[in-house]
C-alpha atoms as a PDB file:
ATOM      1  CA  UNK A   1     162.587  27.681 139.830  1.00  0.00           C
ATOM      2  CA  UNK A   2     160.909  24.238 139.953  1.00  0.00           C
ATOM      3  CA  UNK A   3     163.292  22.786 137.392  1.00  0.00           C
ATOM      4  CA  UNK A   4     166.264  24.150 139.362  1.00  0.00           C
ATOM      5  CA  UNK A   5     165.059  22.491 142.569  1.00  0.00           C
ATOM      6  CA  UNK A   6     164.732  19.162 140.791  1.00  0.00           C
ATOM      7  CA  UNK A   7     168.220  19.496 139.314  1.00  0.00           C
ATOM      8  CA  UNK A   8     169.794  20.329 142.694  1.00  0.00           C
ATOM      9  CA  UNK A   9     168.078  17.375 144.295  1.00  0.00           C
ATOM     10  CA  UNK A  10     169.330  15.054 141.568  1.00  0.00           C
ATOM     11  CA  UNK A  11     172.900  16.298 142.000  1.00  0.00           C
ATOM     12  CA  UNK A  12     172.669  15.817 145.737  1.00  0.00           C
ATOM     13  CA  UNK A  13     171.590  12.180 145.298  1.00  0.00           C
ATOM     14  CA  UNK A  14     174.801  11.415 143.437  1.00  0.00           C
ATOM     15  CA  UNK A  15     177.158  13.710 145.374  1.00  0.00           C
ATOM     16  CA  UNK A  16     176.017  12.669 148.870  1.00  0.00           C
ATOM     17  CA  UNK A  17     175.236   8.959 148.889  1.00  0.00           C
ATOM     18  CA  UNK A  18     175.122   9.032 152.677  1.00  0.00           C
ATOM     19  CA  UNK A  19     173.834  12.141 154.417  1.00  0.00           C
ATOM     20  CA  UNK A  20     174.211  13.078 158.016  1.00  0.00           C
ATOM     21  CA  UNK A  21     171.610  11.657 160.352  1.00  0.00           C
ATOM     22  CA  UNK A  22     169.230  14.236 161.735  1.00  0.00           C
ATOM     23  CA  UNK A  23     166.113  14.448 163.821  1.00  0.00           C
ATOM     24  CA  UNK A  24     163.215  15.841 161.776  1.00  0.00           C
ATOM     25  CA  UNK A  25     160.411  18.113 163.021  1.00  0.00           C
ATOM     26  CA  UNK A  26     158.026  15.148 163.167  1.00  0.00           C
ATOM     27  CA  UNK A  27     160.351  13.353 165.603  1.00  0.00           C
ATOM     28  CA  UNK A  28     161.657  10.704 163.212  1.00  0.00           C
ATOM     29  CA  UNK A  29     165.303   9.858 163.033  1.00  0.00           C
ATOM     30  CA  UNK A  30     165.948   8.193 159.693  1.00  0.00           C
ATOM     31  CA  UNK A  31     169.194   6.526 158.750  1.00  0.00           C
ATOM     32  CA  UNK A  32     169.995   9.091 156.007  1.00  0.00           C
ATOM     33  CA  UNK A  33     168.772  12.619 155.439  1.00  0.00           C
ATOM     34  CA  UNK A  34     169.356  14.721 152.313  1.00  0.00           C
ATOM     35  CA  UNK A  35     169.139  18.460 152.767  1.00  0.00           C
ATOM     36  CA  UNK A  36     168.551  20.748 149.772  1.00  0.00           C
ATOM     37  CA  UNK A  37     168.929  24.491 150.330  1.00  0.00           C
ATOM     38  CA  UNK A  38     167.523  27.113 147.966  1.00  0.00           C
ATOM     39  CA  UNK A  39     166.692  30.810 148.082  1.00  0.00           C
ATOM     40  CA  UNK A  40     167.646  32.701 151.241  1.00  0.00           C
ATOM     41  CA  UNK A  41     166.297  30.336 153.870  1.00  0.00           C
ATOM     42  CA  UNK A  42     164.493  27.649 151.916  1.00  0.00           C
ATOM     43  CA  UNK A  43     165.255  24.028 152.756  1.00  0.00           C
ATOM     44  CA  UNK A  44     163.949  20.688 151.504  1.00  0.00           C
ATOM     45  CA  UNK A  45     164.635  17.610 153.658  1.00  0.00           C
ATOM     46  CA  UNK A  46     164.464  14.191 152.062  1.00  0.00           C
ATOM     47  CA  UNK A  47     164.673  11.240 154.432  1.00  0.00           C
ATOM     48  CA  UNK A  48     165.459   7.687 153.357  1.00  0.00           C
ATOM     49  CA  UNK A  49     166.062   4.510 155.350  1.00  0.00           C
ATOM     50  CA  UNK A  50     168.040   2.593 152.762  1.00  0.00           C
ATOM     51  CA  UNK A  51     169.775   2.788 149.398  1.00  0.00           C
ATOM     52  CA  UNK A  52     166.742   1.107 147.874  1.00  0.00           C
ATOM     53  CA  UNK A  53     164.529   3.978 149.088  1.00  0.00           C
ATOM     54  CA  UNK A  54     166.905   6.437 147.438  1.00  0.00           C
ATOM     55  CA  UNK A  55     166.695   4.548 144.133  1.00  0.00           C
ATOM     56  CA  UNK A  56     162.888   4.401 144.372  1.00  0.00           C
ATOM     57  CA  UNK A  57     162.743   8.167 144.958  1.00  0.00           C
ATOM     58  CA  UNK A  58     164.168   8.740 141.470  1.00  0.00           C
ATOM     59  CA  UNK A  59     160.933   7.381 139.999  1.00  0.00           C
ATOM     60  CA  UNK A  60     158.916  10.278 141.459  1.00  0.00           C
ATOM     61  CA  UNK A  61     158.431  13.794 140.122  1.00  0.00           C
ATOM     62  CA  UNK A  62     159.209  16.247 142.934  1.00  0.00           C
ATOM     63  CA  UNK A  63     158.114  19.196 140.806  1.00  0.00           C
ATOM     64  CA  UNK A  64     154.558  17.822 140.640  1.00  0.00           C
ATOM     65  CA  UNK A  65     154.521  17.377 144.425  1.00  0.00           C
ATOM     66  CA  UNK A  66     155.455  21.034 144.947  1.00  0.00           C
ATOM     67  CA  UNK A  67     152.756  22.186 142.525  1.00  0.00           C
ATOM     68  CA  UNK A  68     150.012  20.521 144.592  1.00  0.00           C
ATOM     69  CA  UNK A  69     151.166  21.746 148.032  1.00  0.00           C
ATOM     70  CA  UNK A  70     149.152  24.849 148.934  1.00  0.00           C
ATOM     71  CA  UNK A  71     151.777  26.899 150.811  1.00  0.00           C
ATOM     72  CA  UNK A  72     150.262  29.847 152.770  1.00  0.00           C
ATOM     73  CA  UNK A  73     151.436  33.383 152.143  1.00  0.00           C
ATOM     74  CA  UNK A  74     154.416  34.600 154.198  1.00  0.00           C
ATOM     75  CA  UNK A  75     152.333  36.853 156.437  1.00  0.00           C
ATOM     76  CA  UNK A  76     150.004  33.940 157.241  1.00  0.00           C
ATOM     77  CA  UNK A  77     152.733  31.522 158.306  1.00  0.00           C
ATOM     78  CA  UNK A  78     153.218  30.991 162.003  1.00  0.00           C
ATOM     79  CA  UNK A  79     156.392  29.903 163.677  1.00  0.00           C
ATOM     80  CA  UNK A  80     157.194  26.228 163.209  1.00  0.00           C
ATOM     81  CA  UNK A  81     154.059  25.757 161.075  1.00  0.00           C
ATOM     82  CA  UNK A  82     154.267  22.635 158.927  1.00  0.00           C
ATOM     83  CA  UNK A  83     152.541  21.875 155.644  1.00  0.00           C
ATOM     84  CA  UNK A  84     152.129  18.134 155.192  1.00  0.00           C
ATOM     85  CA  UNK A  85     150.767  16.374 152.088  1.00  0.00           C
ATOM     86  CA  UNK A  86     150.353  12.604 152.134  1.00  0.00           C
ATOM     87  CA  UNK A  87     149.965  10.245 149.212  1.00  0.00           C
ATOM     88  CA  UNK A  88     148.362   7.212 150.818  1.00  0.00           C
ATOM     89  CA  UNK A  89     148.756   4.959 147.724  1.00  0.00           C
ATOM     90  CA  UNK A  90     152.267   6.114 146.890  1.00  0.00           C
ATOM     91  CA  UNK A  91     151.633   6.163 143.120  1.00  0.00           C
ATOM     92  CA  UNK A  92     150.189   9.600 142.419  1.00  0.00           C
ATOM     93  CA  UNK A  93     153.531  11.218 141.655  1.00  0.00           C
ATOM     94  CA  UNK A  94     155.202   8.418 139.722  1.00  0.00           C
ATOM     95  CA  UNK A  95     156.690   9.881 136.560  1.00  0.00           C
ATOM     96  CA  UNK A  96     154.799   7.464 134.279  1.00  0.00           C
ATOM     97  CA  UNK A  97     151.416   8.292 135.788  1.00  0.00           C
ATOM     98  CA  UNK A  98     152.205  12.007 135.703  1.00  0.00           C
ATOM     99  CA  UNK A  99     153.005  11.891 131.989  1.00  0.00           C
ATOM    100  CA  UNK A 100     149.793   9.998 131.252  1.00  0.00           C
ATOM    101  CA  UNK A 101     147.626  12.312 133.338  1.00  0.00           C
ATOM    102  CA  UNK A 102     149.336  15.596 132.483  1.00  0.00           C
ATOM    103  CA  UNK A 103     146.658  16.748 130.065  1.00  0.00           C
ATOM    104  CA  UNK A 104     143.842  15.723 132.434  1.00  0.00           C
ATOM    105  CA  UNK A 105     145.449  17.518 135.371  1.00  0.00           C
ATOM    106  CA  UNK A 106     145.831  20.706 133.313  1.00  0.00           C
ATOM    107  CA  UNK A 107     142.170  20.619 132.268  1.00  0.00           C
ATOM    108  CA  UNK A 108     141.157  19.952 135.876  1.00  0.00           C
ATOM    109  CA  UNK A 109     142.987  23.090 137.009  1.00  0.00           C
ATOM    110  CA  UNK A 110     141.303  25.139 134.297  1.00  0.00           C
ATOM    111  CA  UNK A 111     137.857  23.999 135.391  1.00  0.00           C
ATOM    112  CA  UNK A 112     138.682  24.697 139.051  1.00  0.00           C
ATOM    113  CA  UNK A 113     139.668  28.255 138.102  1.00  0.00           C
ATOM    114  CA  UNK A 114     136.418  28.767 136.227  1.00  0.00           C
ATOM    115  CA  UNK A 115     134.336  27.523 139.155  1.00  0.00           C
ATOM    116  CA  UNK A 116     135.986  29.921 141.615  1.00  0.00           C
ATOM    117  CA  UNK A 117     132.942  32.204 141.562  1.00  0.00           C
ATOM    118  CA  UNK A 118     130.845  30.778 144.416  1.00  0.00           C
ATOM    119  CA  UNK A 119     127.751  32.786 143.517  1.00  0.00           C
ATOM    120  CA  UNK A 120     127.187  30.735 140.348  1.00  0.00           C
ATOM    121  CA  UNK A 121     125.926  27.218 140.854  1.00  0.00           C
ATOM    122  CA  UNK A 122     126.984  26.065 137.396  1.00  0.00           C
ATOM    123  CA  UNK A 123     129.049  27.521 134.580  1.00  0.00           C
ATOM    124  CA  UNK A 124     128.978  26.123 131.048  1.00  0.00           C
ATOM    125  CA  UNK A 125     132.262  26.032 129.179  1.00  0.00           C
ATOM    126  CA  UNK A 126     132.185  26.296 125.363  1.00  0.00           C
ATOM    127  CA  UNK A 127     135.187  26.130 123.083  1.00  0.00           C
ATOM    128  CA  UNK A 128     135.351  29.080 120.709  1.00  0.00           C
ATOM    129  CA  UNK A 129     136.371  27.053 117.693  1.00  0.00           C
ATOM    130  CA  UNK A 130     135.424  27.237 114.060  1.00  0.00           C
ATOM    131  CA  UNK A 131     134.887  24.292 111.752  1.00  0.00           C
ATOM    132  CA  UNK A 132     138.083  23.104 110.148  1.00  0.00           C
ATOM    133  CA  UNK A 133     138.731  21.165 106.971  1.00  0.00           C
ATOM    134  CA  UNK A 134     141.719  18.927 106.328  1.00  0.00           C
ATOM    135  CA  UNK A 135     142.390  18.017 102.710  1.00  0.00           C
ATOM    136  CA  UNK A 136     144.979  15.972 100.899  1.00  0.00           C
ATOM    137  CA  UNK A 137     146.803  17.433  97.929  1.00  0.00           C
ATOM    138  CA  UNK A 138     144.271  18.405  95.259  1.00  0.00           C
ATOM    139  CA  UNK A 139     146.823  18.261  92.449  1.00  0.00           C
ATOM    140  CA  UNK A 140     148.901  15.206  91.620  1.00  0.00           C
ATOM    141  CA  UNK A 141     151.035  13.906  88.776  1.00  0.00           C
ATOM    142  CA  UNK A 142     149.165  10.984  87.197  1.00  0.00           C
ATOM    143  CA  UNK A 143     150.900   9.798  84.015  1.00  0.00           C
ATOM    144  CA  UNK A 144     153.690  10.478  81.549  1.00  0.00           C
ATOM    145  CA  UNK A 145     153.435   7.901  78.770  1.00  0.00           C
ATOM    146  CA  UNK A 146     150.658   6.932  76.319  1.00  0.00           C
ATOM    147  CA  UNK A 147     150.999   3.749  74.267  1.00  0.00           C
ATOM    148  CA  UNK A 148     148.349   2.511  71.848  1.00  0.00           C
ATOM    149  CA  UNK A 149     147.419   1.328  68.356  1.00  0.00           C
ATOM    150  CA  UNK A 150     146.221   3.486  65.465  1.00  0.00           C
ATOM    151  CA  UNK A 151     143.690   3.202  62.701  1.00  0.00           C
ATOM    152  CA  UNK A 152     141.423   5.627  60.872  1.00  0.00           C
ATOM    153  CA  UNK A 153     137.817   5.827  59.739  1.00  0.00           C
ATOM    154  CA  UNK A 154     136.426   6.918  56.387  1.00  0.00           C
ATOM    155  CA  UNK A 155     132.748   7.855  56.490  1.00  0.00           C
ATOM    156  CA  UNK A 156     132.488   5.920  59.761  1.00  0.00           C
ATOM    157  CA  UNK A 157     134.047   2.710  58.371  1.00  0.00           C
ATOM    158  CA  UNK A 158     137.517   1.234  58.362  1.00  0.00           C
ATOM    159  CA  UNK A 159     139.144   1.399  54.884  1.00  0.00           C
ATOM    160  CA  UNK A 160     139.761  -2.352  54.808  1.00  0.00           C
ATOM    161  CA  UNK A 161     135.995  -2.804  54.336  1.00  0.00           C
ATOM    162  CA  UNK A 162     136.547  -1.497  50.788  1.00  0.00           C
ATOM    163  CA  UNK A 163     140.022  -3.002  50.371  1.00  0.00           C
ATOM    164  CA  UNK A 164     141.581   0.432  49.954  1.00  0.00           C
ATOM    165  CA  UNK A 165     145.296   0.739  49.257  1.00  0.00           C
ATOM    166  CA  UNK A 166     145.773   2.844  52.418  1.00  0.00           C
ATOM    167  CA  UNK A 167     144.342   0.157  54.701  1.00  0.00           C
ATOM    168  CA  UNK A 168     146.558  -0.232  57.791  1.00  0.00           C
ATOM    169  CA  UNK A 169     147.514  -3.102  60.085  1.00  0.00           C
ATOM    170  CA  UNK A 170     146.443  -2.074  63.637  1.00  0.00           C
ATOM    171  CA  UNK A 171     149.116  -4.263  65.212  1.00  0.00           C
ATOM    172  CA  UNK A 172     152.294  -2.464  64.306  1.00  0.00           C
ATOM    173  CA  UNK A 173     150.597   0.894  63.809  1.00  0.00           C
ATOM    174  CA  UNK A 174     151.815   2.193  67.142  1.00  0.00           C
ATOM    175  CA  UNK A 175     150.867   5.400  68.878  1.00  0.00           C
ATOM    176  CA  UNK A 176     153.487   6.700  71.323  1.00  0.00           C
ATOM    177  CA  UNK A 177     153.189   9.923  73.324  1.00  0.00           C
ATOM    178  CA  UNK A 178     155.372  11.488  75.984  1.00  0.00           C
ATOM    179  CA  UNK A 179     152.567  13.329  77.722  1.00  0.00           C
ATOM    180  CA  UNK A 180     153.118  14.511  81.333  1.00  0.00           C
ATOM    181  CA  UNK A 181     149.631  14.734  82.847  1.00  0.00           C
ATOM    182  CA  UNK A 182     148.332  16.169  86.130  1.00  0.00           C
ATOM    183  CA  UNK A 183     144.988  15.879  87.865  1.00  0.00           C
ATOM    184  CA  UNK A 184     143.402  18.597  90.002  1.00  0.00           C
ATOM    185  CA  UNK A 185     140.226  18.067  92.018  1.00  0.00           C
ATOM    186  CA  UNK A 186     137.756  20.902  91.556  1.00  0.00           C
ATOM    187  CA  UNK A 187     134.839  19.981  93.825  1.00  0.00           C
ATOM    188  CA  UNK A 188     133.707  16.657  95.225  1.00  0.00           C
ATOM    189  CA  UNK A 189     134.308  13.906  92.672  1.00  0.00           C
ATOM    190  CA  UNK A 190     134.855  16.370  89.835  1.00  0.00           C
ATOM    191  CA  UNK A 191     138.488  16.611  88.733  1.00  0.00           C
ATOM    192  CA  UNK A 192     140.417  17.890  85.748  1.00  0.00           C
ATOM    193  CA  UNK A 193     143.126  16.009  83.824  1.00  0.00           C
ATOM    194  CA  UNK A 194     145.463  18.192  81.801  1.00  0.00           C
ATOM    195  CA  UNK A 195     148.847  17.902  80.158  1.00  0.00           C
ATOM    196  CA  UNK A 196     150.993  18.546  77.104  1.00  0.00           C
ATOM    197  CA  UNK A 197     153.706  16.763  75.178  1.00  0.00           C
ATOM    198  CA  UNK A 198     154.774  15.051  71.969  1.00  0.00           C
ATOM    199  CA  UNK A 199     153.062  12.224  70.078  1.00  0.00           C
ATOM    200  CA  UNK A 200     153.903  10.017  67.101  1.00  0.00           C
ATOM    201  CA  UNK A 201     151.359   8.446  64.762  1.00  0.00           C
ATOM    202  CA  UNK A 202     152.641   5.325  62.979  1.00  0.00           C
ATOM    203  CA  UNK A 203     150.386   3.924  60.248  1.00  0.00           C
ATOM    204  CA  UNK A 204     151.742   0.592  59.001  1.00  0.00           C
ATOM    205  CA  UNK A 205     150.071  -0.264  55.715  1.00  0.00           C
ATOM    206  CA  UNK A 206     148.519  -3.649  55.164  1.00  0.00           C
ATOM    207  CA  UNK A 207     150.213  -3.936  51.763  1.00  0.00           C
ATOM    208  CA  UNK A 208     153.998  -3.467  52.291  1.00  0.00           C
ATOM    209  CA  UNK A 209     154.230  -2.235  48.657  1.00  0.00           C
ATOM    210  CA  UNK A 210     152.109   0.837  49.438  1.00  0.00           C
ATOM    211  CA  UNK A 211     153.842   4.113  48.698  1.00  0.00           C
ATOM    212  CA  UNK A 212     152.673   7.716  49.051  1.00  0.00           C
ATOM    213  CA  UNK A 213     153.313   9.809  45.971  1.00  0.00           C
ATOM    214  CA  UNK A 214     152.800  13.554  46.219  1.00  0.00           C
ATOM    215  CA  UNK A 215     151.293  15.047  43.086  1.00  0.00           C
ATOM    216  CA  UNK A 216     150.358  18.570  42.106  1.00  0.00           C
ATOM    217  CA  UNK A 217     146.721  18.137  43.133  1.00  0.00           C
ATOM    218  CA  UNK A 218     147.027  15.753  46.032  1.00  0.00           C
ATOM    219  CA  UNK A 219     148.560  12.590  47.449  1.00  0.00           C
ATOM    220  CA  UNK A 220     148.273   9.235  45.655  1.00  0.00           C
ATOM    221  CA  UNK A 221     148.606   5.810  47.314  1.00  0.00           C
ATOM    222  CA  UNK A 222     150.515   3.762  44.749  1.00  0.00           C
ATOM    223  CA  UNK A 223     152.258   0.366  44.625  1.00  0.00           C
ATOM    224  CA  UNK A 224     155.901  -0.405  44.116  1.00  0.00           C
ATOM    225  CA  UNK A 225     157.309  -2.541  41.376  1.00  0.00           C
ATOM    226  CA  UNK A 226     155.880  -6.019  41.954  1.00  0.00           C
ATOM    227  CA  UNK A 227     159.334  -7.580  41.368  1.00  0.00           C
ATOM    228  CA  UNK A 228     160.649  -5.950  44.546  1.00  0.00           C
ATOM    229  CA  UNK A 229     160.330  -7.900  47.788  1.00  0.00           C
ATOM    230  CA  UNK A 230     158.775  -5.191  49.940  1.00  0.00           C
ATOM    231  CA  UNK A 231     158.644  -5.934  53.691  1.00  0.00           C
ATOM    232  CA  UNK A 232     157.392  -2.715  55.321  1.00  0.00           C
ATOM    233  CA  UNK A 233     155.700   0.547  54.466  1.00  0.00           C
ATOM    234  CA  UNK A 234     154.547   3.075  57.038  1.00  0.00           C
ATOM    235  CA  UNK A 235     153.660   6.729  57.476  1.00  0.00           C
ATOM    236  CA  UNK A 236     154.844   8.547  60.626  1.00  0.00           C
ATOM    237  CA  UNK A 237     153.453  11.890  61.812  1.00  0.00           C
ATOM    238  CA  UNK A 238     154.757  13.789  64.848  1.00  0.00           C
ATOM    239  CA  UNK A 239     152.668  16.340  66.756  1.00  0.00           C
ATOM    240  CA  UNK A 240     152.956  18.574  69.763  1.00  0.00           C
ATOM    241  CA  UNK A 241     149.682  18.441  71.737  1.00  0.00           C
ATOM    242  CA  UNK A 242     147.771  19.567  74.797  1.00  0.00           C
ATOM    243  CA  UNK A 243     144.665  18.026  76.331  1.00  0.00           C
ATOM    244  CA  UNK A 244     142.037  18.917  78.927  1.00  0.00           C
ATOM    245  CA  UNK A 245     139.668  16.248  80.266  1.00  0.00           C
ATOM    246  CA  UNK A 246     137.015  16.701  83.023  1.00  0.00           C
ATOM    247  CA  UNK A 247     136.887  13.527  85.106  1.00  0.00           C
ATOM    248  CA  UNK A 248     134.538  11.978  87.645  1.00  0.00           C
ATOM    249  CA  UNK A 249     136.953  10.416  90.131  1.00  0.00           C
ATOM    250  CA  UNK A 250     135.325   7.942  92.514  1.00  0.00           C
ATOM    251  CA  UNK A 251     138.567   7.573  94.452  1.00  0.00           C
ATOM    252  CA  UNK A 252     137.594  10.815  96.224  1.00  0.00           C
ATOM    253  CA  UNK A 253     136.715  10.242  99.909  1.00  0.00           C
ATOM    254  CA  UNK A 254     135.267  12.726 102.401  1.00  0.00           C
ATOM    255  CA  UNK A 255     134.380  12.283 106.080  1.00  0.00           C
ATOM    256  CA  UNK A 256     133.327  14.579 108.925  1.00  0.00           C
ATOM    257  CA  UNK A 257     133.092  14.461 112.714  1.00  0.00           C
ATOM    258  CA  UNK A 258     131.109  16.755 115.016  1.00  0.00           C
ATOM    259  CA  UNK A 259     132.245  17.126 118.635  1.00  0.00           C
ATOM    260  CA  UNK A 260     130.050  17.841 121.665  1.00  0.00           C
ATOM    261  CA  UNK A 261     131.011  21.524 121.652  1.00  0.00           C
ATOM    262  CA  UNK A 262     129.844  21.928 118.054  1.00  0.00           C
ATOM    263  CA  UNK A 263     133.327  21.799 116.529  1.00  0.00           C
ATOM    264  CA  UNK A 264     133.206  20.154 113.099  1.00  0.00           C
ATOM    265  CA  UNK A 265     136.241  18.465 111.599  1.00  0.00           C
ATOM    266  CA  UNK A 266     136.162  17.449 107.933  1.00  0.00           C
ATOM    267  CA  UNK A 267     138.718  15.327 106.137  1.00  0.00           C
ATOM    268  CA  UNK A 268     139.119  14.825 102.401  1.00  0.00           C
ATOM    269  CA  UNK A 269     141.394  12.339 100.659  1.00  0.00           C
ATOM    270  CA  UNK A 270     142.232  12.175  96.958  1.00  0.00           C
ATOM    271  CA  UNK A 271     143.602   8.792  95.988  1.00  0.00           C
ATOM    272  CA  UNK A 272     143.939   6.994  92.671  1.00  0.00           C
ATOM    273  CA  UNK A 273     142.487   3.790  94.046  1.00  0.00           C
ATOM    274  CA  UNK A 274     138.988   4.015  92.590  1.00  0.00           C
ATOM    275  CA  UNK A 275     137.136   4.119  89.293  1.00  0.00           C
ATOM    276  CA  UNK A 276     137.268   7.272  87.176  1.00  0.00           C
ATOM    277  CA  UNK A 277     135.721   8.230  83.874  1.00  0.00           C
ATOM    278  CA  UNK A 278     136.093  11.350  81.761  1.00  0.00           C
ATOM    279  CA  UNK A 279     135.689  12.980  78.377  1.00  0.00           C
ATOM    280  CA  UNK A 280     137.435  16.050  77.038  1.00  0.00           C
ATOM    281  CA  UNK A 281     139.375  17.472  74.112  1.00  0.00           C
ATOM    282  CA  UNK A 282     142.861  17.768  72.705  1.00  0.00           C
ATOM    283  CA  UNK A 283     144.543  20.022  70.176  1.00  0.00           C
ATOM    284  CA  UNK A 284     147.909  19.840  68.458  1.00  0.00           C
ATOM    285  CA  UNK A 285     150.031  20.819  65.516  1.00  0.00           C
ATOM    286  CA  UNK A 286     152.167  18.756  63.148  1.00  0.00           C
ATOM    287  CA  UNK A 287     155.917  19.179  63.563  1.00  0.00           C
ATOM    288  CA  UNK A 288     157.255  16.380  61.336  1.00  0.00           C
ATOM    289  CA  UNK A 289     156.180  13.645  58.909  1.00  0.00           C
ATOM    290  CA  UNK A 290     157.836  11.033  56.741  1.00  0.00           C
ATOM    291  CA  UNK A 291     157.259   7.668  55.070  1.00  0.00           C
ATOM    292  CA  UNK A 292     159.571   4.706  55.568  1.00  0.00           C
ATOM    293  CA  UNK A 293     159.964   1.955  53.001  1.00  0.00           C
ATOM    294  CA  UNK A 294     161.841  -1.309  53.564  1.00  0.00           C
ATOM    295  CA  UNK A 295     162.490  -3.862  50.825  1.00  0.00           C
ATOM    296  CA  UNK A 296     164.865  -6.539  49.603  1.00  0.00           C
ATOM    297  CA  UNK A 297     166.522  -6.509  46.236  1.00  0.00           C
ATOM    298  CA  UNK A 298     169.083  -9.082  45.001  1.00  0.00           C
ATOM    299  CA  UNK A 299     169.262 -10.451  48.536  1.00  0.00           C
ATOM    300  CA  UNK A 300     170.132  -7.143  50.209  1.00  0.00           C
ATOM    301  CA  UNK A 301     167.869  -5.204  52.579  1.00  0.00           C
ATOM    302  CA  UNK A 302     167.321  -1.561  51.704  1.00  0.00           C
ATOM    303  CA  UNK A 303     165.531   1.344  53.425  1.00  0.00           C
ATOM    304  CA  UNK A 304     164.181   4.631  52.231  1.00  0.00           C
ATOM    305  CA  UNK A 305     163.021   7.421  54.523  1.00  0.00           C
ATOM    306  CA  UNK A 306     161.292  10.206  52.639  1.00  0.00           C
ATOM    307  CA  UNK A 307     160.351  13.389  54.542  1.00  0.00           C
ATOM    308  CA  UNK A 308     157.459  15.429  53.201  1.00  0.00           C
ATOM    309  CA  UNK A 309     154.194  16.977  54.350  1.00  0.00           C
ATOM    310  CA  UNK A 310     152.190  14.806  51.890  1.00  0.00           C
ATOM    311  CA  UNK A 311     149.366  17.371  52.148  1.00  0.00           C
ATOM    312  CA  UNK A 312     148.833  16.336  55.768  1.00  0.00           C
ATOM    313  CA  UNK A 313     146.671  18.611  57.914  1.00  0.00           C
ATOM    314  CA  UNK A 314     148.830  20.814  60.151  1.00  0.00           C
ATOM    315  CA  UNK A 315     146.153  21.365  62.815  1.00  0.00           C
ATOM    316  CA  UNK A 316     144.993  18.377  64.796  1.00  0.00           C
ATOM    317  CA  UNK A 317     142.048  18.407  67.225  1.00  0.00           C
ATOM    318  CA  UNK A 318     139.565  15.935  68.585  1.00  0.00           C
ATOM    319  CA  UNK A 319     137.978  14.213  71.580  1.00  0.00           C
ATOM    320  CA  UNK A 320     139.641  12.162  74.294  1.00  0.00           C
ATOM    321  CA  UNK A 321     137.806   9.611  76.439  1.00  0.00           C
ATOM    322  CA  UNK A 322     139.292   7.803  79.403  1.00  0.00           C
ATOM    323  CA  UNK A 323     138.341   5.078  81.837  1.00  0.00           C
ATOM    324  CA  UNK A 324     140.749   4.346  84.652  1.00  0.00           C
ATOM    325  CA  UNK A 325     141.340   2.422  87.829  1.00  0.00           C
ATOM    326  CA  UNK A 326     144.346   2.541  90.126  1.00  0.00           C
ATOM    327  CA  UNK A 327     147.424   3.877  88.370  1.00  0.00           C
ATOM    328  CA  UNK A 328     146.384   3.015  84.770  1.00  0.00           C
ATOM    329  CA  UNK A 329     143.957   4.722  82.359  1.00  0.00           C
ATOM    330  CA  UNK A 330     142.471   3.285  79.191  1.00  0.00           C
ATOM    331  CA  UNK A 331     142.003   6.044  76.624  1.00  0.00           C
ATOM    332  CA  UNK A 332     140.490   6.616  73.197  1.00  0.00           C
ATOM    333  CA  UNK A 333     141.544   9.542  71.002  1.00  0.00           C
ATOM    334  CA  UNK A 334     139.353  10.429  68.054  1.00  0.00           C
ATOM    335  CA  UNK A 335     140.552  13.054  65.584  1.00  0.00           C
ATOM    336  CA  UNK A 336     137.721  15.295  64.433  1.00  0.00           C
ATOM    337  CA  UNK A 337     140.149  16.908  62.031  1.00  0.00           C
ATOM    338  CA  UNK A 338     140.960  14.912  58.898  1.00  0.00           C
ATOM    339  CA  UNK A 339     144.381  13.417  58.347  1.00  0.00           C
ATOM    340  CA  UNK A 340     144.860  15.148  54.985  1.00  0.00           C
ATOM    341  CA  UNK A 341     143.853  18.639  53.932  1.00  0.00           C
ATOM    342  CA  UNK A 342     140.513  18.922  52.176  1.00  0.00           C
ATOM    343  CA  UNK A 343     140.443  17.578  48.586  1.00  0.00           C
ATOM    344  CA  UNK A 344     144.145  16.649  48.743  1.00  0.00           C
ATOM    345  CA  UNK A 345     143.719  13.113  50.022  1.00  0.00           C
ATOM    346  CA  UNK A 346     141.159  10.639  51.377  1.00  0.00           C
ATOM    347  CA  UNK A 347     138.983  12.019  54.203  1.00  0.00           C
ATOM    348  CA  UNK A 348     140.341   9.962  57.077  1.00  0.00           C
ATOM    349  CA  UNK A 349     139.783  10.518  60.791  1.00  0.00           C
ATOM    350  CA  UNK A 350     142.452   8.903  62.959  1.00  0.00           C
ATOM    351  CA  UNK A 351     141.421   6.890  66.022  1.00  0.00           C
ATOM    352  CA  UNK A 352     143.672   5.526  68.767  1.00  0.00           C
ATOM    353  CA  UNK A 353     143.111   2.990  71.557  1.00  0.00           C
ATOM    354  CA  UNK A 354     145.700   2.793  74.305  1.00  0.00           C
ATOM    355  CA  UNK A 355     146.861   2.920  77.925  1.00  0.00           C
ATOM    356  CA  UNK A 356     148.313   5.755  79.987  1.00  0.00           C
ATOM    357  CA  UNK A 357     151.010   5.036  82.557  1.00  0.00           C
END
């Protein structure tokens, strides 16, 4: 009903710019009077002395005025009884102040209702609220691409220490992996990195004349004809892998606030803007392998790509270490499995250093 009254009054302001002069119950005779009728016999009289007063009236909330007027019950009203409410400052019912104080006024009414029992001198009000926790997303996508350089160890040493034929050049022996990875926070700073994808080992041999020859009993690292101008020799191995790495993520942030009524609010944020360190494991299986030879003969460049398993180990497994900050992780992969099957080639354990993006 209150909204309807306000709407009718607003329509009247525009439809009747000049009302008929009337003498009000208090004896005043303003220049213009606006009469709003509602219900069976209800009437609201609005008196203004000028157009400026009418414009100023639009800044007030009539609904709020009506809420505060304590109108007696019908049986208690006497003939010609008037209910008058004065706002001495003239600002209490401005729309802006009403919007700002709306929440306070509602709480004030609630407390007045609670204090209606006159027999109690004081009543304590407690919110029946339980502690709440607000958390950011615990799982996020963290990386998709690993790029690094490869080498391998033999009895804990690099093969170039013994000038072996299978010594590799780290620069050019690229490791590339398409490895979608997610991170889920378990508790506090403890998180879990996990993912799966495809990887490619590239071992570029130090001597470009190096060639893998598969014999009946194993693989042999041989040399090409010295008269050939060899320019590149490499071994490529493709795997499909999965990894799982527990991580201490110091980008985790938690805060709490306790209110006067005992309500506890906790907030947790998981952001990749801090230091993190982790160690875990990976496992994979070989899906392809080949050697690529590039050489020049009589001034022409030639290539040979020879696909074979070369007695390579099918199962790959090892340890993964990572150290990260922001959106980038530095990682180290160490293969605990040997590159070749037992007694079919040198006992080499691959090792990779790289970055995850």
